[in-house]
Amino acid sequence: GPISKLQTLGAGFLALGLAGTVGGALGFQHLGGY
């Protein structure tokens, strides 16, 4: 099916969300000492 704004926004949300989530885990590990 054709690509719409949904796929564009979704891909952007996923890229930022996944990076933020694993970045948060790395932050808790390296900065928080967990």
Full PDB file with SEQRES, HELIX, SHEET, SSBOND, CRYST1, ORIGX, SCALE, CONECT and MASTER records, all heavy atoms in Angstrom:
SEQRES   1 A   34  GLY PRO ILE SER LYS LEU GLN THR LEU GLY ALA GLY PHE          
SEQRES   2 A   34  LEU ALA LEU GLY LEU ALA GLY THR VAL GLY GLY ALA LEU          
SEQRES   3 A   34  GLY PHE GLN HIS LEU GLY GLY TYR                              
HELIX    1 AA1 LYS A    5  HIS A   30  1                                  26    
CRYST1    1.000    1.000    1.000  90.00  90.00  90.00 P 1           1          
ORIGX1      1.000000  0.000000  0.000000        0.00000                         
ORIGX2      0.000000  1.000000  0.000000        0.00000                         
ORIGX3      0.000000  0.000000  1.000000        0.00000                         
SCALE1      1.000000  0.000000  0.000000        0.00000                         
SCALE2      0.000000  1.000000  0.000000        0.00000                         
SCALE3      0.000000  0.000000  1.000000        0.00000                         
ATOM      1  N   GLY A   1       0.828  -1.206   0.000  1.00  0.00           N  
ATOM      2  CA  GLY A   1       0.000   0.000   0.000  1.00  0.00           C  
ATOM      3  C   GLY A   1       0.859   1.251   0.000  1.00  0.00           C  
ATOM      4  O   GLY A   1       2.017   1.229   0.401  1.00  0.00           O  
ATOM      5  N   PRO A   2       0.300   2.354  -0.467  1.00  0.00           N  
ATOM      6  CA  PRO A   2       1.089   3.590  -0.570  1.00  0.00           C  
ATOM      7  C   PRO A   2       1.554   4.082   0.807  1.00  0.00           C  
ATOM      8  O   PRO A   2       0.923   3.822   1.822  1.00  0.00           O  
ATOM      9  CB  PRO A   2       0.123   4.581  -1.215  1.00  0.00           C  
ATOM     10  CG  PRO A   2      -1.228   4.026  -0.939  1.00  0.00           C  
ATOM     11  CD  PRO A   2      -1.084   2.543  -0.863  1.00  0.00           C  
ATOM     12  N   ILE A   3       2.653   4.805   0.796  1.00  0.00           N  
ATOM     13  CA  ILE A   3       3.207   5.387   2.019  1.00  0.00           C  
ATOM     14  C   ILE A   3       2.511   6.720   2.274  1.00  0.00           C  
ATOM     15  O   ILE A   3       2.327   7.521   1.362  1.00  0.00           O  
ATOM     16  CB  ILE A   3       4.732   5.599   1.873  1.00  0.00           C  
ATOM     17  CG1 ILE A   3       5.435   4.256   1.659  1.00  0.00           C  
ATOM     18  CG2 ILE A   3       5.311   6.330   3.077  1.00  0.00           C  
ATOM     19  CD1 ILE A   3       5.232   3.263   2.770  1.00  0.00           C  
ATOM     20  N   SER A   4       2.130   6.925   3.522  1.00  0.00           N  
ATOM     21  CA  SER A   4       1.459   8.169   3.881  1.00  0.00           C  
ATOM     22  C   SER A   4       2.203   8.837   5.034  1.00  0.00           C  
ATOM     23  O   SER A   4       3.266   8.379   5.463  1.00  0.00           O  
ATOM     24  CB  SER A   4       0.010   7.887   4.290  1.00  0.00           C  
ATOM     25  OG  SER A   4      -0.022   7.178   5.522  1.00  0.00           O  
ATOM     26  N   LYS A   5       1.588   9.893   5.535  1.00  0.00           N  
ATOM     27  CA  LYS A   5       2.164  10.604   6.673  1.00  0.00           C  
ATOM     28  C   LYS A   5       2.273   9.680   7.891  1.00  0.00           C  
ATOM     29  O   LYS A   5       3.170   9.837   8.716  1.00  0.00           O  
ATOM     30  CB  LYS A   5       1.286  11.814   6.995  1.00  0.00           C  
ATOM     31  CG  LYS A   5       1.881  12.748   8.006  1.00  0.00           C  
ATOM     32  CD  LYS A   5       0.957  13.924   8.251  1.00  0.00           C  
ATOM     33  CE  LYS A   5       1.648  15.156   7.747  1.00  0.00           C  
ATOM     34  NZ  LYS A   5       0.871  16.373   8.031  1.00  0.00           N  
ATOM     35  N   LEU A   6       1.373   8.706   7.993  1.00  0.00           N  
ATOM     36  CA  LEU A   6       1.399   7.759   9.113  1.00  0.00           C  
ATOM     37  C   LEU A   6       2.733   7.011   9.175  1.00  0.00           C  
ATOM     38  O   LEU A   6       3.346   6.910  10.241  1.00  0.00           O  
ATOM     39  CB  LEU A   6       0.244   6.754   8.998  1.00  0.00           C  
ATOM     40  CG  LEU A   6       0.237   5.631  10.034  1.00  0.00           C  
ATOM     41  CD1 LEU A   6      -0.131   6.178  11.406  1.00  0.00           C  
ATOM     42  CD2 LEU A   6      -0.720   4.535   9.623  1.00  0.00           C  
ATOM     43  N   GLN A   7       3.180   6.500   8.054  1.00  0.00           N  
ATOM     44  CA  GLN A   7       4.438   5.754   8.021  1.00  0.00           C  
ATOM     45  C   GLN A   7       5.626   6.675   8.312  1.00  0.00           C  
ATOM     46  O   GLN A   7       6.558   6.285   9.007  1.00  0.00           O  
ATOM     47  CB  GLN A   7       4.630   5.041   6.677  1.00  0.00           C  
ATOM     48  CG  GLN A   7       3.769   3.811   6.507  1.00  0.00           C  
ATOM     49  CD  GLN A   7       2.307   4.130   6.243  1.00  0.00           C  
ATOM     50  OE1 GLN A   7       1.975   5.157   5.648  1.00  0.00           O  
ATOM     51  NE2 GLN A   7       1.421   3.246   6.679  1.00  0.00           N  
ATOM     52  N   THR A   8       5.583   7.886   7.787  1.00  0.00           N  
ATOM     53  CA  THR A   8       6.670   8.833   8.025  1.00  0.00           C  
ATOM     54  C   THR A   8       6.756   9.190   9.508  1.00  0.00           C  
ATOM     55  O   THR A   8       7.828   9.127  10.117  1.00  0.00           O  
ATOM     56  CB  THR A   8       6.469  10.107   7.186  1.00  0.00           C  
ATOM     57  OG1 THR A   8       6.345   9.740   5.817  1.00  0.00           O  
ATOM     58  CG2 THR A   8       7.631  11.074   7.365  1.00  0.00           C  
ATOM     59  N   LEU A   9       5.628   9.567  10.091  1.00  0.00           N  
ATOM     60  CA  LEU A   9       5.618   9.916  11.514  1.00  0.00           C  
ATOM     61  C   LEU A   9       5.957   8.699  12.376  1.00  0.00           C  
ATOM     62  O   LEU A   9       6.670   8.812  13.370  1.00  0.00           O  
ATOM     63  CB  LEU A   9       4.252  10.489  11.908  1.00  0.00           C  
ATOM     64  CG  LEU A   9       3.914  11.859  11.324  1.00  0.00           C  
ATOM     65  CD1 LEU A   9       2.482  12.247  11.677  1.00  0.00           C  
ATOM     66  CD2 LEU A   9       4.888  12.911  11.805  1.00  0.00           C  
ATOM     67  N   GLY A  10       5.433   7.546  11.985  1.00  0.00           N  
ATOM     68  CA  GLY A  10       5.699   6.329  12.744  1.00  0.00           C  
ATOM     69  C   GLY A  10       7.167   5.955  12.739  1.00  0.00           C  
ATOM     70  O   GLY A  10       7.748   5.618  13.777  1.00  0.00           O  
ATOM     71  N   ALA A  11       7.802   6.015  11.573  1.00  0.00           N  
ATOM     72  CA  ALA A  11       9.230   5.689  11.479  1.00  0.00           C  
ATOM     73  C   ALA A  11      10.062   6.668  12.300  1.00  0.00           C  
ATOM     74  O   ALA A  11      11.012   6.266  12.992  1.00  0.00           O  
ATOM     75  CB  ALA A  11       9.680   5.681  10.018  1.00  0.00           C  
ATOM     76  N   GLY A  12       9.713   7.945  12.248  1.00  0.00           N  
ATOM     77  CA  GLY A  12      10.419   8.943  13.055  1.00  0.00           C  
ATOM     78  C   GLY A  12      10.223   8.715  14.544  1.00  0.00           C  
ATOM     79  O   GLY A  12      11.174   8.779  15.329  1.00  0.00           O  
ATOM     80  N   PHE A  13       8.975   8.442  14.934  1.00  0.00           N  
ATOM     81  CA  PHE A  13       8.680   8.151  16.341  1.00  0.00           C  
ATOM     82  C   PHE A  13       9.450   6.927  16.816  1.00  0.00           C  
ATOM     83  O   PHE A  13      10.023   6.932  17.916  1.00  0.00           O  
ATOM     84  CB  PHE A  13       7.173   7.926  16.520  1.00  0.00           C  
ATOM     85  CG  PHE A  13       6.806   7.400  17.880  1.00  0.00           C  
ATOM     86  CD1 PHE A  13       6.763   8.240  18.982  1.00  0.00           C  
ATOM     87  CD2 PHE A  13       6.510   6.057  18.060  1.00  0.00           C  
ATOM     88  CE1 PHE A  13       6.431   7.750  20.243  1.00  0.00           C  
ATOM     89  CE2 PHE A  13       6.176   5.556  19.308  1.00  0.00           C  
ATOM     90  CZ  PHE A  13       6.134   6.410  20.409  1.00  0.00           C  
ATOM     91  N   LEU A  14       9.481   5.893  15.990  1.00  0.00           N  
ATOM     92  CA  LEU A  14      10.187   4.669  16.371  1.00  0.00           C  
ATOM     93  C   LEU A  14      11.685   4.909  16.500  1.00  0.00           C  
ATOM     94  O   LEU A  14      12.316   4.464  17.467  1.00  0.00           O  
ATOM     95  CB  LEU A  14       9.895   3.550  15.377  1.00  0.00           C  
ATOM     96  CG  LEU A  14       8.469   2.997  15.430  1.00  0.00           C  
ATOM     97  CD1 LEU A  14       8.180   2.146  14.204  1.00  0.00           C  
ATOM     98  CD2 LEU A  14       8.239   2.213  16.705  1.00  0.00           C  
ATOM     99  N   ALA A  15      12.269   5.610  15.538  1.00  0.00           N  
ATOM    100  CA  ALA A  15      13.713   5.870  15.605  1.00  0.00           C  
ATOM    101  C   ALA A  15      14.065   6.655  16.869  1.00  0.00           C  
ATOM    102  O   ALA A  15      14.983   6.291  17.613  1.00  0.00           O  
ATOM    103  CB  ALA A  15      14.177   6.623  14.361  1.00  0.00           C  
ATOM    104  N   LEU A  16      13.309   7.713  17.145  1.00  0.00           N  
ATOM    105  CA  LEU A  16      13.576   8.520  18.338  1.00  0.00           C  
ATOM    106  C   LEU A  16      13.231   7.772  19.624  1.00  0.00           C  
ATOM    107  O   LEU A  16      13.973   7.841  20.610  1.00  0.00           O  
ATOM    108  CB  LEU A  16      12.783   9.832  18.273  1.00  0.00           C  
ATOM    109  CG  LEU A  16      13.252  10.851  17.243  1.00  0.00           C  
ATOM    110  CD1 LEU A  16      12.289  12.035  17.179  1.00  0.00           C  
ATOM    111  CD2 LEU A  16      14.653  11.315  17.561  1.00  0.00           C  
ATOM    112  N   GLY A  17      12.111   7.066  19.608  1.00  0.00           N  
ATOM    113  CA  GLY A  17      11.683   6.346  20.802  1.00  0.00           C  
ATOM    114  C   GLY A  17      12.627   5.217  21.180  1.00  0.00           C  
ATOM    115  O   GLY A  17      12.977   5.046  22.355  1.00  0.00           O  
ATOM    116  N   LEU A  18      13.048   4.440  20.186  1.00  0.00           N  
ATOM    117  CA  LEU A  18      13.975   3.344  20.464  1.00  0.00           C  
ATOM    118  C   LEU A  18      15.317   3.892  20.957  1.00  0.00           C  
ATOM    119  O   LEU A  18      15.901   3.372  21.912  1.00  0.00           O  
ATOM    120  CB  LEU A  18      14.189   2.483  19.220  1.00  0.00           C  
ATOM    121  CG  LEU A  18      12.967   1.750  18.654  1.00  0.00           C  
ATOM    122  CD1 LEU A  18      13.339   0.976  17.399  1.00  0.00           C  
ATOM    123  CD2 LEU A  18      12.339   0.845  19.667  1.00  0.00           C  
ATOM    124  N   ALA A  19      15.804   4.946  20.296  1.00  0.00           N  
ATOM    125  CA  ALA A  19      17.078   5.538  20.708  1.00  0.00           C  
ATOM    126  C   ALA A  19      16.968   6.136  22.110  1.00  0.00           C  
ATOM    127  O   ALA A  19      17.889   5.981  22.932  1.00  0.00           O  
ATOM    128  CB  ALA A  19      17.510   6.606  19.702  1.00  0.00           C  
ATOM    129  N   GLY A  20      15.857   6.780  22.403  1.00  0.00           N  
ATOM    130  CA  GLY A  20      15.665   7.359  23.733  1.00  0.00           C  
ATOM    131  C   GLY A  20      15.581   6.302  24.820  1.00  0.00           C  
ATOM    132  O   GLY A  20      16.120   6.475  25.919  1.00  0.00           O  
ATOM    133  N   THR A  21      14.921   5.200  24.509  1.00  0.00           N  
ATOM    134  CA  THR A  21      14.766   4.137  25.495  1.00  0.00           C  
ATOM    135  C   THR A  21      16.105   3.478  25.819  1.00  0.00           C  
ATOM    136  O   THR A  21      16.471   3.332  26.987  1.00  0.00           O  
ATOM    137  CB  THR A  21      13.754   3.079  24.996  1.00  0.00           C  
ATOM    138  OG1 THR A  21      12.502   3.723  24.753  1.00  0.00           O  
ATOM    139  CG2 THR A  21      13.562   1.986  26.027  1.00  0.00           C  
ATOM    140  N   VAL A  22      16.836   3.073  24.798  1.00  0.00           N  
ATOM    141  CA  VAL A  22      18.126   2.431  25.061  1.00  0.00           C  
ATOM    142  C   VAL A  22      19.131   3.463  25.581  1.00  0.00           C  
ATOM    143  O   VAL A  22      19.988   3.138  26.411  1.00  0.00           O  
ATOM    144  CB  VAL A  22      18.647   1.659  23.831  1.00  0.00           C  
ATOM    145  CG1 VAL A  22      19.302   2.566  22.812  1.00  0.00           C  
ATOM    146  CG2 VAL A  22      19.601   0.558  24.253  1.00  0.00           C  
ATOM    147  N   GLY A  23      19.004   4.703  25.146  1.00  0.00           N  
ATOM    148  CA  GLY A  23      19.858   5.759  25.685  1.00  0.00           C  
ATOM    149  C   GLY A  23      19.604   5.980  27.172  1.00  0.00           C  
ATOM    150  O   GLY A  23      20.538   6.201  27.950  1.00  0.00           O  
ATOM    151  N   GLY A  24      18.341   5.907  27.563  1.00  0.00           N  
ATOM    152  CA  GLY A  24      18.007   6.017  28.981  1.00  0.00           C  
ATOM    153  C   GLY A  24      18.602   4.878  29.785  1.00  0.00           C  
ATOM    154  O   GLY A  24      19.131   5.079  30.887  1.00  0.00           O  
ATOM    155  N   ALA A  25      18.518   3.665  29.240  1.00  0.00           N  
ATOM    156  CA  ALA A  25      19.108   2.507  29.926  1.00  0.00           C  
ATOM    157  C   ALA A  25      20.617   2.673  30.067  1.00  0.00           C  
ATOM    158  O   ALA A  25      21.183   2.387  31.135  1.00  0.00           O  
ATOM    159  CB  ALA A  25      18.786   1.222  29.155  1.00  0.00           C  
ATOM    160  N   LEU A  26      21.264   3.151  29.015  1.00  0.00           N  
ATOM    161  CA  LEU A  26      22.711   3.377  29.084  1.00  0.00           C  
ATOM    162  C   LEU A  26      23.045   4.498  30.069  1.00  0.00           C  
ATOM    163  O   LEU A  26      24.056   4.438  30.776  1.00  0.00           O  
ATOM    164  CB  LEU A  26      23.260   3.697  27.692  1.00  0.00           C  
ATOM    165  CG  LEU A  26      23.268   2.519  26.717  1.00  0.00           C  
ATOM    166  CD1 LEU A  26      23.534   3.007  25.294  1.00  0.00           C  
ATOM    167  CD2 LEU A  26      24.293   1.483  27.138  1.00  0.00           C  
ATOM    168  N   GLY A  27      22.193   5.510  30.138  1.00  0.00           N  
ATOM    169  CA  GLY A  27      22.385   6.588  31.102  1.00  0.00           C  
ATOM    170  C   GLY A  27      22.287   6.095  32.539  1.00  0.00           C  
ATOM    171  O   GLY A  27      23.107   6.448  33.392  1.00  0.00           O  
ATOM    172  N   PHE A  28      21.258   5.285  32.814  1.00  0.00           N  
ATOM    173  CA  PHE A  28      21.130   4.711  34.157  1.00  0.00           C  
ATOM    174  C   PHE A  28      22.352   3.860  34.498  1.00  0.00           C  
ATOM    175  O   PHE A  28      22.795   3.840  35.635  1.00  0.00           O  
ATOM    176  CB  PHE A  28      19.860   3.874  34.280  1.00  0.00           C  
ATOM    177  CG  PHE A  28      18.632   4.670  34.603  1.00  0.00           C  
ATOM    178  CD1 PHE A  28      17.671   4.890  33.640  1.00  0.00           C  
ATOM    179  CD2 PHE A  28      18.450   5.200  35.869  1.00  0.00           C  
ATOM    180  CE1 PHE A  28      16.535   5.627  33.932  1.00  0.00           C  
ATOM    181  CE2 PHE A  28      17.313   5.946  36.171  1.00  0.00           C  
ATOM    182  CZ  PHE A  28      16.352   6.170  35.199  1.00  0.00           C  
ATOM    183  N   GLN A  29      22.891   3.194  33.500  1.00  0.00           N  
ATOM    184  CA  GLN A  29      24.053   2.338  33.742  1.00  0.00           C  
ATOM    185  C   GLN A  29      25.310   3.176  33.981  1.00  0.00           C  
ATOM    186  O   GLN A  29      25.997   2.998  34.986  1.00  0.00           O  
ATOM    187  CB  GLN A  29      24.271   1.396  32.565  1.00  0.00           C  
ATOM    188  CG  GLN A  29      25.512   0.529  32.716  1.00  0.00           C  
ATOM    189  CD  GLN A  29      25.763  -0.366  31.509  1.00  0.00           C  
ATOM    190  OE1 GLN A  29      24.897  -0.547  30.664  1.00  0.00           O  
ATOM    191  NE2 GLN A  29      26.952  -0.921  31.434  1.00  0.00           N  
ATOM    192  N   HIS A  30      25.620   4.071  33.052  1.00  0.00           N  
ATOM    193  CA  HIS A  30      26.902   4.766  33.098  1.00  0.00           C  
ATOM    194  C   HIS A  30      26.894   6.023  33.969  1.00  0.00           C  
ATOM    195  O   HIS A  30      27.934   6.391  34.529  1.00  0.00           O  
ATOM    196  CB  HIS A  30      27.367   5.111  31.683  1.00  0.00           C  
ATOM    197  CG  HIS A  30      27.668   3.891  30.862  1.00  0.00           C  
ATOM    198  ND1 HIS A  30      28.746   3.079  31.117  1.00  0.00           N  
ATOM    199  CD2 HIS A  30      27.005   3.327  29.816  1.00  0.00           C  
ATOM    200  CE1 HIS A  30      28.747   2.073  30.250  1.00  0.00           C  
ATOM    201  NE2 HIS A  30      27.698   2.202  29.451  1.00  0.00           N  
ATOM    202  N   LEU A  31      25.760   6.686  34.074  1.00  0.00           N  
ATOM    203  CA  LEU A  31      25.692   7.892  34.893  1.00  0.00           C  
ATOM    204  C   LEU A  31      25.081   7.609  36.260  1.00  0.00           C  
ATOM    205  O   LEU A  31      25.486   8.206  37.254  1.00  0.00           O  
ATOM    206  CB  LEU A  31      24.880   8.974  34.177  1.00  0.00           C  
ATOM    207  CG  LEU A  31      25.404   9.413  32.808  1.00  0.00           C  
ATOM    208  CD1 LEU A  31      24.450  10.396  32.157  1.00  0.00           C  
ATOM    209  CD2 LEU A  31      26.795  10.005  32.934  1.00  0.00           C  
ATOM    210  N   GLY A  32      24.101   6.714  36.283  1.00  0.00           N  
ATOM    211  CA  GLY A  32      23.416   6.417  37.537  1.00  0.00           C  
ATOM    212  C   GLY A  32      24.051   5.314  38.358  1.00  0.00           C  
ATOM    213  O   GLY A  32      23.702   5.116  39.519  1.00  0.00           O  
ATOM    214  N   GLY A  33      24.955   4.554  37.744  1.00  0.00           N  
ATOM    215  CA  GLY A  33      25.644   3.509  38.480  1.00  0.00           C  
ATOM    216  C   GLY A  33      24.871   2.207  38.620  1.00  0.00           C  
ATOM    217  O   GLY A  33      25.269   1.339  39.388  1.00  0.00           O  
ATOM    218  N   TYR A  34      23.766   2.053  37.887  1.00  0.00           N  
ATOM    219  CA  TYR A  34      23.006   0.807  37.927  1.00  0.00           C  
ATOM    220  C   TYR A  34      23.713  -0.225  37.055  1.00  0.00           C  
ATOM    221  O   TYR A  34      23.871  -0.018  35.855  1.00  0.00           O  
ATOM    222  CB  TYR A  34      21.573   1.012  37.421  1.00  0.00           C  
ATOM    223  CG  TYR A  34      20.711   1.794  38.364  1.00  0.00           C  
ATOM    224  CD1 TYR A  34      20.619   3.178  38.269  1.00  0.00           C  
ATOM    225  CD2 TYR A  34      19.979   1.155  39.359  1.00  0.00           C  
ATOM    226  CE1 TYR A  34      19.822   3.912  39.131  1.00  0.00           C  
ATOM    227  CE2 TYR A  34      19.184   1.872  40.229  1.00  0.00           C  
ATOM    228  CZ  TYR A  34      19.106   3.247  40.118  1.00  0.00           C  
ATOM    229  OH  TYR A  34      18.319   3.966  40.981  1.00  0.00           O  
TER     230      TYR A  34                                                      
MASTER        0    0    0    1    0    0    0    6  229    1    0    3          
END                                                                             
